[in-house]
């Protein structure tokens, strides 16, 4: 009886672990309807660049890992809601076996992406957001590329990229708050015309300073 009970418990534990670990799910191409990447399906492997269309929202659950094949990107023309938690960060990383900066492309917020909106106390309400995310090993276009758009980038870890966050365009007004930005060649790079709000971020010395844009941090 005890042996049967032990075997039953063992099988249950194996099934639970299999459910928790899951199999990698390949993704790529356009997202044209509201879509959620769930922790149950994580990790997600980007095999073709992902495009979030203007009328669509991609929601990524806390704890999800997204791995990019070389040179591929996530372009947001609609809405990206990536809200992790301090204990369950969302990770955007390389799918290479040997990791290095420049392995993959970038997360791009285009000029048609949904700008973040805030209440009277400056609390986030809606729109594009990266919160409690890790973005690592991205390319020299900027691992997070903000182009004439205004996402909210909050409490993220931006590390081991060529350029961590790149902001370009006169209509670019992102809020970049309380992030840890380190081990990038350049942490944040701003064009002269952008209006980014940058508060209480933590930097370490970057490897070098890029010169393509007038302002680099």
C-alpha atoms as a PDB file:
ATOM      1  CA  UNK A   1       0.000   0.000   0.000  1.00  0.00           C
ATOM      2  CA  UNK A   2       2.768   2.404   0.917  1.00  0.00           C
ATOM      3  CA  UNK A   3       4.601   1.537  -2.277  1.00  0.00           C
ATOM      4  CA  UNK A   4       1.523   2.278  -4.379  1.00  0.00           C
ATOM      5  CA  UNK A   5       0.990   5.590  -2.576  1.00  0.00           C
ATOM      6  CA  UNK A   6       4.631   6.577  -3.116  1.00  0.00           C
ATOM      7  CA  UNK A   7       4.403   5.744  -6.828  1.00  0.00           C
ATOM      8  CA  UNK A   8       1.178   7.729  -7.159  1.00  0.00           C
ATOM      9  CA  UNK A   9       2.732  10.772  -5.477  1.00  0.00           C
ATOM     10  CA  UNK A  10       5.805  10.474  -7.693  1.00  0.00           C
ATOM     11  CA  UNK A  11       3.693  10.443 -10.857  1.00  0.00           C
ATOM     12  CA  UNK A  12       1.702  13.450  -9.602  1.00  0.00           C
ATOM     13  CA  UNK A  13       4.899  15.398  -8.950  1.00  0.00           C
ATOM     14  CA  UNK A  14       6.195  14.592 -12.447  1.00  0.00           C
ATOM     15  CA  UNK A  15       2.930  15.747 -14.013  1.00  0.00           C
ATOM     16  CA  UNK A  16       2.994  18.956 -11.978  1.00  0.00           C
ATOM     17  CA  UNK A  17       6.574  19.691 -13.013  1.00  0.00           C
ATOM     18  CA  UNK A  18       5.765  19.037 -16.657  1.00  0.00           C
ATOM     19  CA  UNK A  19       2.847  21.451 -16.435  1.00  0.00           C
ATOM     20  CA  UNK A  20       4.988  24.124 -14.776  1.00  0.00           C
ATOM     21  CA  UNK A  21       7.913  23.819 -17.179  1.00  0.00           C
ATOM     22  CA  UNK A  22       5.904  23.481 -20.407  1.00  0.00           C
ATOM     23  CA  UNK A  23       7.307  23.299 -23.908  1.00  0.00           C
ATOM     24  CA  UNK A  24       8.757  26.212 -25.826  1.00  0.00           C
ATOM     25  CA  UNK A  25       6.249  27.851 -28.160  1.00  0.00           C
ATOM     26  CA  UNK A  26       7.397  29.290 -31.493  1.00  0.00           C
ATOM     27  CA  UNK A  27       5.902  32.672 -32.445  1.00  0.00           C
ATOM     28  CA  UNK A  28       6.325  35.124 -35.291  1.00  0.00           C
ATOM     29  CA  UNK A  29       4.574  37.259 -37.879  1.00  0.00           C
ATOM     30  CA  UNK A  30       1.691  39.710 -37.466  1.00  0.00           C
ATOM     31  CA  UNK A  31      -0.616  39.812 -34.434  1.00  0.00           C
ATOM     32  CA  UNK A  32      -3.947  41.182 -35.682  1.00  0.00           C
ATOM     33  CA  UNK A  33      -6.249  40.339 -32.752  1.00  0.00           C
ATOM     34  CA  UNK A  34      -5.792  40.771 -29.007  1.00  0.00           C
ATOM     35  CA  UNK A  35      -3.368  38.082 -27.856  1.00  0.00           C
ATOM     36  CA  UNK A  36      -1.940  36.967 -24.510  1.00  0.00           C
ATOM     37  CA  UNK A  37       1.365  35.167 -24.033  1.00  0.00           C
ATOM     38  CA  UNK A  38       0.789  33.127 -20.896  1.00  0.00           C
ATOM     39  CA  UNK A  39       3.174  31.729 -18.319  1.00  0.00           C
ATOM     40  CA  UNK A  40       1.768  28.270 -19.096  1.00  0.00           C
ATOM     41  CA  UNK A  41       3.107  28.498 -22.669  1.00  0.00           C
ATOM     42  CA  UNK A  42       6.446  30.075 -21.740  1.00  0.00           C
ATOM     43  CA  UNK A  43       9.113  30.244 -23.040  1.00  0.00           C
ATOM     44  CA  UNK A  44       8.214  31.830 -26.377  1.00  0.00           C
ATOM     45  CA  UNK A  45      10.794  31.554 -29.169  1.00  0.00           C
ATOM     46  CA  UNK A  46      10.578  34.312 -31.801  1.00  0.00           C
ATOM     47  CA  UNK A  47      11.342  32.580 -35.117  1.00  0.00           C
ATOM     48  CA  UNK A  48      10.093  35.466 -37.272  1.00  0.00           C
ATOM     49  CA  UNK A  49       9.845  39.096 -36.271  1.00  0.00           C
ATOM     50  CA  UNK A  50       6.577  39.852 -34.475  1.00  0.00           C
ATOM     51  CA  UNK A  51       4.399  42.799 -35.510  1.00  0.00           C
ATOM     52  CA  UNK A  52       1.609  43.930 -33.195  1.00  0.00           C
ATOM     53  CA  UNK A  53      -0.876  45.565 -35.571  1.00  0.00           C
ATOM     54  CA  UNK A  54      -2.439  48.948 -34.901  1.00  0.00           C
ATOM     55  CA  UNK A  55      -5.770  47.578 -33.657  1.00  0.00           C
ATOM     56  CA  UNK A  56      -4.288  44.752 -31.588  1.00  0.00           C
ATOM     57  CA  UNK A  57      -2.972  44.372 -28.041  1.00  0.00           C
ATOM     58  CA  UNK A  58      -0.286  41.896 -27.018  1.00  0.00           C
ATOM     59  CA  UNK A  59      -0.404  41.174 -23.289  1.00  0.00           C
ATOM     60  CA  UNK A  60       2.494  39.279 -21.706  1.00  0.00           C
ATOM     61  CA  UNK A  61       1.967  37.689 -18.307  1.00  0.00           C
ATOM     62  CA  UNK A  62       4.404  37.939 -15.376  1.00  0.00           C
ATOM     63  CA  UNK A  63       7.199  35.379 -15.485  1.00  0.00           C
ATOM     64  CA  UNK A  64       7.085  34.819 -19.247  1.00  0.00           C
ATOM     65  CA  UNK A  65      10.410  34.420 -21.068  1.00  0.00           C
ATOM     66  CA  UNK A  66      10.659  35.575 -24.695  1.00  0.00           C
ATOM     67  CA  UNK A  67      13.735  34.433 -26.639  1.00  0.00           C
ATOM     68  CA  UNK A  68      14.667  35.949 -29.990  1.00  0.00           C
ATOM     69  CA  UNK A  69      16.511  34.269 -32.837  1.00  0.00           C
ATOM     70  CA  UNK A  70      19.307  36.430 -34.379  1.00  0.00           C
ATOM     71  CA  UNK A  71      18.317  39.840 -35.811  1.00  0.00           C
ATOM     72  CA  UNK A  72      14.616  39.412 -35.062  1.00  0.00           C
ATOM     73  CA  UNK A  73      12.421  42.022 -33.367  1.00  0.00           C
ATOM     74  CA  UNK A  74       9.096  42.802 -31.729  1.00  0.00           C
ATOM     75  CA  UNK A  75       7.516  45.834 -33.417  1.00  0.00           C
ATOM     76  CA  UNK A  76       4.566  47.454 -31.678  1.00  0.00           C
ATOM     77  CA  UNK A  77       2.222  49.430 -33.919  1.00  0.00           C
ATOM     78  CA  UNK A  78      -0.674  48.820 -31.527  1.00  0.00           C
ATOM     79  CA  UNK A  79      -0.410  48.141 -27.812  1.00  0.00           C
ATOM     80  CA  UNK A  80       2.063  46.103 -25.746  1.00  0.00           C
ATOM     81  CA  UNK A  81       1.213  45.449 -22.115  1.00  0.00           C
ATOM     82  CA  UNK A  82       4.162  43.694 -20.498  1.00  0.00           C
ATOM     83  CA  UNK A  83       3.631  44.048 -16.740  1.00  0.00           C
ATOM     84  CA  UNK A  84       5.710  41.668 -14.708  1.00  0.00           C
ATOM     85  CA  UNK A  85       6.150  41.681 -10.964  1.00  0.00           C
ATOM     86  CA  UNK A  86       9.237  42.173  -8.850  1.00  0.00           C
ATOM     87  CA  UNK A  87       9.282  38.444  -8.108  1.00  0.00           C
ATOM     88  CA  UNK A  88       8.169  37.406 -11.618  1.00  0.00           C
ATOM     89  CA  UNK A  89       9.874  39.555 -14.196  1.00  0.00           C
ATOM     90  CA  UNK A  90       9.176  39.217 -17.906  1.00  0.00           C
ATOM     91  CA  UNK A  91      12.428  38.436 -19.733  1.00  0.00           C
ATOM     92  CA  UNK A  92      13.283  39.432 -23.312  1.00  0.00           C
ATOM     93  CA  UNK A  93      16.526  37.727 -24.245  1.00  0.00           C
ATOM     94  CA  UNK A  94      18.589  35.899 -26.853  1.00  0.00           C
ATOM     95  CA  UNK A  95      17.911  32.371 -28.040  1.00  0.00           C
ATOM     96  CA  UNK A  96      21.607  31.759 -28.701  1.00  0.00           C
ATOM     97  CA  UNK A  97      23.464  29.170 -26.663  1.00  0.00           C
ATOM     98  CA  UNK A  98      26.367  31.585 -26.123  1.00  0.00           C
ATOM     99  CA  UNK A  99      24.979  34.968 -25.080  1.00  0.00           C
ATOM    100  CA  UNK A 100      26.406  38.333 -26.131  1.00  0.00           C
ATOM    101  CA  UNK A 101      25.171  41.876 -26.811  1.00  0.00           C
ATOM    102  CA  UNK A 102      23.741  42.278 -30.306  1.00  0.00           C
ATOM    103  CA  UNK A 103      22.368  38.721 -30.515  1.00  0.00           C
ATOM    104  CA  UNK A 104      18.861  39.838 -31.518  1.00  0.00           C
ATOM    105  CA  UNK A 105      17.055  42.956 -32.673  1.00  0.00           C
ATOM    106  CA  UNK A 106      14.841  45.145 -30.498  1.00  0.00           C
ATOM    107  CA  UNK A 107      11.450  45.972 -29.060  1.00  0.00           C
ATOM    108  CA  UNK A 108      10.218  48.904 -31.130  1.00  0.00           C
ATOM    109  CA  UNK A 109       7.383  51.255 -30.233  1.00  0.00           C
ATOM    110  CA  UNK A 110       6.400  52.950 -33.494  1.00  0.00           C
ATOM    111  CA  UNK A 111       4.595  56.262 -33.943  1.00  0.00           C
ATOM    112  CA  UNK A 112       1.213  54.496 -34.143  1.00  0.00           C
ATOM    113  CA  UNK A 113       1.642  52.585 -30.875  1.00  0.00           C
ATOM    114  CA  UNK A 114      -0.682  53.458 -27.978  1.00  0.00           C
ATOM    115  CA  UNK A 115       0.886  56.166 -25.816  1.00  0.00           C
ATOM    116  CA  UNK A 116       0.830  55.508 -22.090  1.00  0.00           C
ATOM    117  CA  UNK A 117      -1.811  57.443 -20.173  1.00  0.00           C
ATOM    118  CA  UNK A 118      -1.747  58.459 -16.507  1.00  0.00           C
ATOM    119  CA  UNK A 119      -4.173  59.662 -13.863  1.00  0.00           C
ATOM    120  CA  UNK A 120      -3.948  62.952 -11.991  1.00  0.00           C
ATOM    121  CA  UNK A 121      -1.377  61.432  -9.638  1.00  0.00           C
ATOM    122  CA  UNK A 122       0.826  60.264 -12.535  1.00  0.00           C
ATOM    123  CA  UNK A 123      -0.098  56.613 -11.993  1.00  0.00           C
ATOM    124  CA  UNK A 124      -0.159  54.472 -15.130  1.00  0.00           C
ATOM    125  CA  UNK A 125      -3.662  53.841 -16.485  1.00  0.00           C
ATOM    126  CA  UNK A 126      -3.351  52.459 -20.025  1.00  0.00           C
ATOM    127  CA  UNK A 127      -1.211  52.247 -23.145  1.00  0.00           C
ATOM    128  CA  UNK A 128       2.143  50.665 -23.921  1.00  0.00           C
ATOM    129  CA  UNK A 129       4.142  49.596 -20.895  1.00  0.00           C
ATOM    130  CA  UNK A 130       7.251  47.658 -19.959  1.00  0.00           C
ATOM    131  CA  UNK A 131       7.190  47.136 -16.201  1.00  0.00           C
ATOM    132  CA  UNK A 132       9.319  44.728 -14.189  1.00  0.00           C
ATOM    133  CA  UNK A 133      10.903  43.385 -17.369  1.00  0.00           C
ATOM    134  CA  UNK A 134      14.441  42.311 -18.212  1.00  0.00           C
ATOM    135  CA  UNK A 135      15.724  43.303 -21.661  1.00  0.00           C
ATOM    136  CA  UNK A 136      19.146  41.873 -22.480  1.00  0.00           C
ATOM    137  CA  UNK A 137      21.525  41.135 -25.403  1.00  0.00           C
ATOM    138  CA  UNK A 138      19.746  43.435 -27.881  1.00  0.00           C
ATOM    139  CA  UNK A 139      21.258  45.199 -30.878  1.00  0.00           C
ATOM    140  CA  UNK A 140      22.778  48.570 -31.765  1.00  0.00           C
ATOM    141  CA  UNK A 141      19.444  50.040 -32.908  1.00  0.00           C
ATOM    142  CA  UNK A 142      18.485  50.094 -29.233  1.00  0.00           C
ATOM    143  CA  UNK A 143      17.190  47.038 -27.404  1.00  0.00           C
ATOM    144  CA  UNK A 144      14.162  49.221 -26.600  1.00  0.00           C
ATOM    145  CA  UNK A 145      13.598  51.542 -29.559  1.00  0.00           C
ATOM    146  CA  UNK A 146      11.141  54.384 -28.954  1.00  0.00           C
ATOM    147  CA  UNK A 147      10.267  56.143 -32.211  1.00  0.00           C
ATOM    148  CA  UNK A 148       7.904  59.120 -32.009  1.00  0.00           C
ATOM    149  CA  UNK A 149       5.960  57.343 -29.265  1.00  0.00           C
ATOM    150  CA  UNK A 150       5.425  57.493 -25.517  1.00  0.00           C
ATOM    151  CA  UNK A 151       5.520  54.155 -23.692  1.00  0.00           C
ATOM    152  CA  UNK A 152       6.025  53.798 -19.953  1.00  0.00           C
ATOM    153  CA  UNK A 153       9.257  51.982 -19.026  1.00  0.00           C
ATOM    154  CA  UNK A 154       9.301  51.322 -15.295  1.00  0.00           C
ATOM    155  CA  UNK A 155      11.296  49.176 -12.848  1.00  0.00           C
ATOM    156  CA  UNK A 156      12.988  47.244 -15.656  1.00  0.00           C
ATOM    157  CA  UNK A 157      16.486  45.799 -15.914  1.00  0.00           C
ATOM    158  CA  UNK A 158      18.165  46.872 -19.144  1.00  0.00           C
ATOM    159  CA  UNK A 159      21.511  45.127 -19.433  1.00  0.00           C
ATOM    160  CA  UNK A 160      24.149  43.637 -21.728  1.00  0.00           C
ATOM    161  CA  UNK A 161      22.856  45.439 -24.821  1.00  0.00           C
ATOM    162  CA  UNK A 162      24.698  47.504 -27.397  1.00  0.00           C
ATOM    163  CA  UNK A 163      22.305  50.408 -26.720  1.00  0.00           C
ATOM    164  CA  UNK A 164      19.833  49.905 -23.888  1.00  0.00           C
ATOM    165  CA  UNK A 165      17.075  52.427 -24.687  1.00  0.00           C
ATOM    166  CA  UNK A 166      17.095  54.618 -27.801  1.00  0.00           C
ATOM    167  CA  UNK A 167      14.600  57.486 -28.131  1.00  0.00           C
ATOM    168  CA  UNK A 168      14.178  59.285 -31.455  1.00  0.00           C
ATOM    169  CA  UNK A 169      11.726  61.788 -32.899  1.00  0.00           C
ATOM    170  CA  UNK A 170      10.114  65.044 -31.833  1.00  0.00           C
ATOM    171  CA  UNK A 171       6.911  63.237 -30.800  1.00  0.00           C
ATOM    172  CA  UNK A 172       8.775  60.844 -28.518  1.00  0.00           C
ATOM    173  CA  UNK A 173       7.853  61.464 -24.885  1.00  0.00           C
ATOM    174  CA  UNK A 174       8.354  58.223 -22.967  1.00  0.00           C
ATOM    175  CA  UNK A 175       8.570  58.041 -19.200  1.00  0.00           C
ATOM    176  CA  UNK A 176      11.654  56.078 -18.161  1.00  0.00           C
ATOM    177  CA  UNK A 177      11.466  55.613 -14.398  1.00  0.00           C
ATOM    178  CA  UNK A 178      13.352  53.648 -11.742  1.00  0.00           C
ATOM    179  CA  UNK A 179      15.107  51.218 -14.071  1.00  0.00           C
ATOM    180  CA  UNK A 180      18.452  49.479 -13.514  1.00  0.00           C
ATOM    181  CA  UNK A 181      20.583  50.089 -16.607  1.00  0.00           C
ATOM    182  CA  UNK A 182      24.015  48.505 -16.716  1.00  0.00           C
ATOM    183  CA  UNK A 183      26.644  46.649 -18.749  1.00  0.00           C
ATOM    184  CA  UNK A 184      25.460  48.243 -22.019  1.00  0.00           C
ATOM    185  CA  UNK A 185      27.783  49.976 -24.449  1.00  0.00           C
ATOM    186  CA  UNK A 186      25.380  52.923 -24.085  1.00  0.00           C
ATOM    187  CA  UNK A 187      22.608  53.046 -21.502  1.00  0.00           C
ATOM    188  CA  UNK A 188      20.112  55.575 -22.889  1.00  0.00           C
ATOM    189  CA  UNK A 189      20.491  57.463 -26.161  1.00  0.00           C
ATOM    190  CA  UNK A 190      18.274  60.458 -26.940  1.00  0.00           C
ATOM    191  CA  UNK A 191      17.801  62.558 -30.056  1.00  0.00           C
ATOM    192  CA  UNK A 192      17.865  66.337 -29.582  1.00  0.00           C
ATOM    193  CA  UNK A 193      14.182  66.619 -30.494  1.00  0.00           C
ATOM    194  CA  UNK A 194      12.851  63.988 -28.100  1.00  0.00           C
ATOM    195  CA  UNK A 195      11.137  64.875 -24.833  1.00  0.00           C
ATOM    196  CA  UNK A 196      11.782  61.849 -22.681  1.00  0.00           C
ATOM    197  CA  UNK A 197      11.126  62.058 -18.941  1.00  0.00           C
ATOM    198  CA  UNK A 198      13.922  60.210 -17.130  1.00  0.00           C
ATOM    199  CA  UNK A 199      13.719  59.828 -13.352  1.00  0.00           C
ATOM    200  CA  UNK A 200      15.462  57.834 -10.625  1.00  0.00           C
ATOM    201  CA  UNK A 201      17.165  55.303 -12.879  1.00  0.00           C
ATOM    202  CA  UNK A 202      20.248  53.466 -11.628  1.00  0.00           C
ATOM    203  CA  UNK A 203      23.254  53.357 -13.948  1.00  0.00           C
ATOM    204  CA  UNK A 204      26.653  51.752 -13.810  1.00  0.00           C
ATOM    205  CA  UNK A 205      29.497  52.902 -16.011  1.00  0.00           C
ATOM    206  CA  UNK A 206      28.723  51.944 -19.585  1.00  0.00           C
ATOM    207  CA  UNK A 207      31.396  50.349 -21.752  1.00  0.00           C
ATOM    208  CA  UNK A 208      31.540  53.242 -24.199  1.00  0.00           C
ATOM    209  CA  UNK A 209      29.547  56.229 -25.435  1.00  0.00           C
ATOM    210  CA  UNK A 210      27.817  56.032 -28.805  1.00  0.00           C
ATOM    211  CA  UNK A 211      28.010  59.134 -31.020  1.00  0.00           C
ATOM    212  CA  UNK A 212      25.199  58.558 -33.497  1.00  0.00           C
ATOM    213  CA  UNK A 213      22.768  60.696 -31.515  1.00  0.00           C
ATOM    214  CA  UNK A 214      23.632  63.908 -29.662  1.00  0.00           C
ATOM    215  CA  UNK A 215      22.711  62.760 -26.152  1.00  0.00           C
ATOM    216  CA  UNK A 216      23.833  59.557 -24.492  1.00  0.00           C
ATOM    217  CA  UNK A 217      23.611  58.454 -20.897  1.00  0.00           C
END
